[in-house]
Structure formats: C-alpha cells, structure tokens
Amino acid sequence: MSSKEKLKNFPRFETDREAEDFVDTADLSEYDFSGFTPLSRFEFQPKDTSINLRLPRSQLDAVKAEAAKQGLPYQRFIRELLQRGMETLRLSEIRALS
C-alpha cells in the first residue's frame, strides 16, 4: 500500500471469535491502528494464583450474562472488571495528590 492511500478504519466486533476470524483472514497492513491502546499488562501475565470468592448467585449470573454479551469467558471478564476498578482507584489517588 502506498503512503498516499488512506488506511481503513478497524471494524468493531461483537465477540472474540469474530475478531479472531478477521485477524486470521484480513491484510492488517491496510488498517489504521493509530487509535488503539495496548491491552493491559495484566492479561499477559501468567495466571498463577487462584482465589475462592463467594458471591450471591444473582451477582454471578449477572456477571456471566454480561460476559456472554461481550463474547468473553466470565472469568476473563471478572479479571477485566477488577483491573478497571484498580485503574480507576489509582487515577482517583493521583488526582487527589494533584
């Protein structure tokens, strides 16, 4: 692709499977990745510790339903929620110090 050709916008996907299929078949050099942010470092770290967490059934059902809507395994979805919560907490602490 020449530098004069405009890069395509990256499409949105409903599930991980759709994204995986796209990446397997598309020529990614045709797409604009400039607006992307890297995935969190936590997802790439080995998952070497497990926890036992007691939740109300209704809360776990709600988490599983939302994870399914987003096309994610529910345990990954829980990790992402924890990560977002920790990032929000850190940002709040930084703002409080400013």
C-alpha atoms as a PDB file:
ATOM      1  CA  MET A   1       0.000   0.000   0.000  1.00  0.00           C
ATOM      2  CA  SER A   2       1.424   3.379  -0.926  1.00  0.00           C
ATOM      3  CA  SER A   3       1.620   6.176   1.616  1.00  0.00           C
ATOM      4  CA  LYS A   4      -0.951   8.135  -0.427  1.00  0.00           C
ATOM      5  CA  GLU A   5      -3.684   5.539   0.064  1.00  0.00           C
ATOM      6  CA  LYS A   6      -5.915   6.047   3.072  1.00  0.00           C
ATOM      7  CA  LEU A   7      -5.883   3.313   5.686  1.00  0.00           C
ATOM      8  CA  LYS A   8      -9.181   1.611   6.500  1.00  0.00           C
ATOM      9  CA  ASN A   9     -10.885   2.051   9.851  1.00  0.00           C
ATOM     10  CA  PHE A  10     -10.697  -1.020  12.003  1.00  0.00           C
ATOM     11  CA  PRO A  11     -14.133  -2.692  12.314  1.00  0.00           C
ATOM     12  CA  ARG A  12     -15.893  -3.404  15.615  1.00  0.00           C
ATOM     13  CA  PHE A  13     -16.687  -6.968  16.623  1.00  0.00           C
ATOM     14  CA  GLU A  14     -19.364  -8.415  18.868  1.00  0.00           C
ATOM     15  CA  THR A  15     -17.283 -11.390  20.034  1.00  0.00           C
ATOM     16  CA  ASP A  16     -13.685 -12.529  20.391  1.00  0.00           C
ATOM     17  CA  ARG A  17     -14.401 -15.201  17.769  1.00  0.00           C
ATOM     18  CA  GLU A  18     -15.373 -12.565  15.173  1.00  0.00           C
ATOM     19  CA  ALA A  19     -12.179 -10.632  15.900  1.00  0.00           C
ATOM     20  CA  GLU A  20     -10.050 -13.772  15.659  1.00  0.00           C
ATOM     21  CA  ASP A  21     -11.632 -14.705  12.312  1.00  0.00           C
ATOM     22  CA  PHE A  22     -10.986 -11.198  10.995  1.00  0.00           C
ATOM     23  CA  VAL A  23      -7.343 -11.197  12.073  1.00  0.00           C
ATOM     24  CA  ASP A  24      -6.842 -14.639  10.516  1.00  0.00           C
ATOM     25  CA  THR A  25      -8.087 -13.501   7.092  1.00  0.00           C
ATOM     26  CA  ALA A  26      -7.514  -9.727   6.750  1.00  0.00           C
ATOM     27  CA  ASP A  27      -4.452  -7.902   5.441  1.00  0.00           C
ATOM     28  CA  LEU A  28      -3.805  -5.865   8.581  1.00  0.00           C
ATOM     29  CA  SER A  29      -1.399  -3.535   6.779  1.00  0.00           C
ATOM     30  CA  GLU A  30      -4.490  -1.919   5.197  1.00  0.00           C
ATOM     31  CA  TYR A  31      -5.922  -0.800   8.564  1.00  0.00           C
ATOM     32  CA  ASP A  32      -5.289   2.217  10.766  1.00  0.00           C
ATOM     33  CA  PHE A  33      -4.211   1.159  14.255  1.00  0.00           C
ATOM     34  CA  SER A  34      -3.180   4.647  15.399  1.00  0.00           C
ATOM     35  CA  GLY A  35      -6.122   4.990  17.802  1.00  0.00           C
ATOM     36  CA  PHE A  36      -5.505   1.676  19.547  1.00  0.00           C
ATOM     37  CA  THR A  37      -4.303   1.401  23.100  1.00  0.00           C
ATOM     38  CA  PRO A  38      -2.311  -1.629  24.219  1.00  0.00           C
ATOM     39  CA  LEU A  39      -4.043  -4.302  26.222  1.00  0.00           C
ATOM     40  CA  SER A  40      -3.350  -4.279  29.892  1.00  0.00           C
ATOM     41  CA  ARG A  41      -0.168  -5.918  31.020  1.00  0.00           C
ATOM     42  CA  PHE A  42      -2.186  -7.983  33.494  1.00  0.00           C
ATOM     43  CA  GLU A  43      -3.814 -10.160  30.836  1.00  0.00           C
ATOM     44  CA  PHE A  44      -0.385 -11.218  29.578  1.00  0.00           C
ATOM     45  CA  GLN A  45       0.985 -12.154  32.947  1.00  0.00           C
ATOM     46  CA  PRO A  46       0.725 -15.826  33.868  1.00  0.00           C
ATOM     47  CA  LYS A  47      -2.329 -16.630  35.914  1.00  0.00           C
ATOM     48  CA  ASP A  48      -0.522 -18.487  38.655  1.00  0.00           C
ATOM     49  CA  THR A  49      -2.784 -17.725  41.604  1.00  0.00           C
ATOM     50  CA  SER A  50      -6.380 -18.681  42.126  1.00  0.00           C
ATOM     51  CA  ILE A  51      -8.929 -17.358  44.581  1.00  0.00           C
ATOM     52  CA  ASN A  52     -12.137 -18.667  46.049  1.00  0.00           C
ATOM     53  CA  LEU A  53     -14.778 -15.955  46.070  1.00  0.00           C
ATOM     54  CA  ARG A  54     -18.288 -16.294  47.443  1.00  0.00           C
ATOM     55  CA  LEU A  55     -20.935 -14.250  45.639  1.00  0.00           C
ATOM     56  CA  PRO A  56     -24.697 -14.156  45.629  1.00  0.00           C
ATOM     57  CA  ARG A  57     -25.959 -16.384  42.800  1.00  0.00           C
ATOM     58  CA  SER A  58     -27.746 -13.397  41.244  1.00  0.00           C
ATOM     59  CA  GLN A  59     -24.491 -11.421  41.040  1.00  0.00           C
ATOM     60  CA  LEU A  60     -22.604 -14.288  39.406  1.00  0.00           C
ATOM     61  CA  ASP A  61     -25.481 -14.819  36.963  1.00  0.00           C
ATOM     62  CA  ALA A  62     -25.381 -11.118  36.059  1.00  0.00           C
ATOM     63  CA  VAL A  63     -21.605 -11.251  35.515  1.00  0.00           C
ATOM     64  CA  LYS A  64     -21.921 -14.353  33.337  1.00  0.00           C
ATOM     65  CA  ALA A  65     -24.714 -12.765  31.296  1.00  0.00           C
ATOM     66  CA  GLU A  66     -22.716  -9.582  30.686  1.00  0.00           C
ATOM     67  CA  ALA A  67     -19.594 -11.566  29.814  1.00  0.00           C
ATOM     68  CA  ALA A  68     -21.608 -13.574  27.291  1.00  0.00           C
ATOM     69  CA  LYS A  69     -22.946 -10.348  25.742  1.00  0.00           C
ATOM     70  CA  GLN A  70     -19.370  -9.170  25.289  1.00  0.00           C
ATOM     71  CA  GLY A  71     -18.226 -12.519  23.931  1.00  0.00           C
ATOM     72  CA  LEU A  72     -15.817 -13.139  26.804  1.00  0.00           C
ATOM     73  CA  PRO A  73     -15.300 -16.023  29.193  1.00  0.00           C
ATOM     74  CA  TYR A  74     -16.751 -14.887  32.514  1.00  0.00           C
ATOM     75  CA  GLN A  75     -13.510 -15.321  34.460  1.00  0.00           C
ATOM     76  CA  ARG A  76     -11.647 -13.081  31.995  1.00  0.00           C
ATOM     77  CA  PHE A  77     -14.493 -10.581  32.292  1.00  0.00           C
ATOM     78  CA  ILE A  78     -14.112 -10.613  36.101  1.00  0.00           C
ATOM     79  CA  ARG A  79     -10.336 -10.007  35.737  1.00  0.00           C
ATOM     80  CA  GLU A  80     -11.058  -7.066  33.428  1.00  0.00           C
ATOM     81  CA  LEU A  81     -13.560  -5.617  35.908  1.00  0.00           C
ATOM     82  CA  LEU A  82     -11.001  -5.907  38.705  1.00  0.00           C
ATOM     83  CA  GLN A  83      -8.354  -4.296  36.528  1.00  0.00           C
ATOM     84  CA  ARG A  84     -10.623  -1.384  35.547  1.00  0.00           C
ATOM     85  CA  GLY A  85     -11.549  -0.865  39.183  1.00  0.00           C
ATOM     86  CA  MET A  86      -7.890  -0.767  40.211  1.00  0.00           C
ATOM     87  CA  GLU A  87      -7.064   1.680  37.403  1.00  0.00           C
ATOM     88  CA  THR A  88      -9.946   3.925  38.475  1.00  0.00           C
ATOM     89  CA  LEU A  89      -8.731   3.790  42.072  1.00  0.00           C
ATOM     90  CA  ARG A  90      -5.167   4.709  41.035  1.00  0.00           C
ATOM     91  CA  LEU A  91      -6.419   7.615  38.919  1.00  0.00           C
ATOM     92  CA  SER A  92      -8.503   8.867  41.847  1.00  0.00           C
ATOM     93  CA  GLU A  93      -5.473   8.708  44.123  1.00  0.00           C
ATOM     94  CA  ILE A  94      -3.322  10.587  41.585  1.00  0.00           C
ATOM     95  CA  ARG A  95      -5.966  13.300  41.213  1.00  0.00           C
ATOM     96  CA  ALA A  96      -6.227  13.633  44.982  1.00  0.00           C
ATOM     97  CA  LEU A  97      -2.483  14.260  45.182  1.00  0.00           C
ATOM     98  CA  SER A  98      -2.583  16.941  42.473  1.00  0.00           C
END
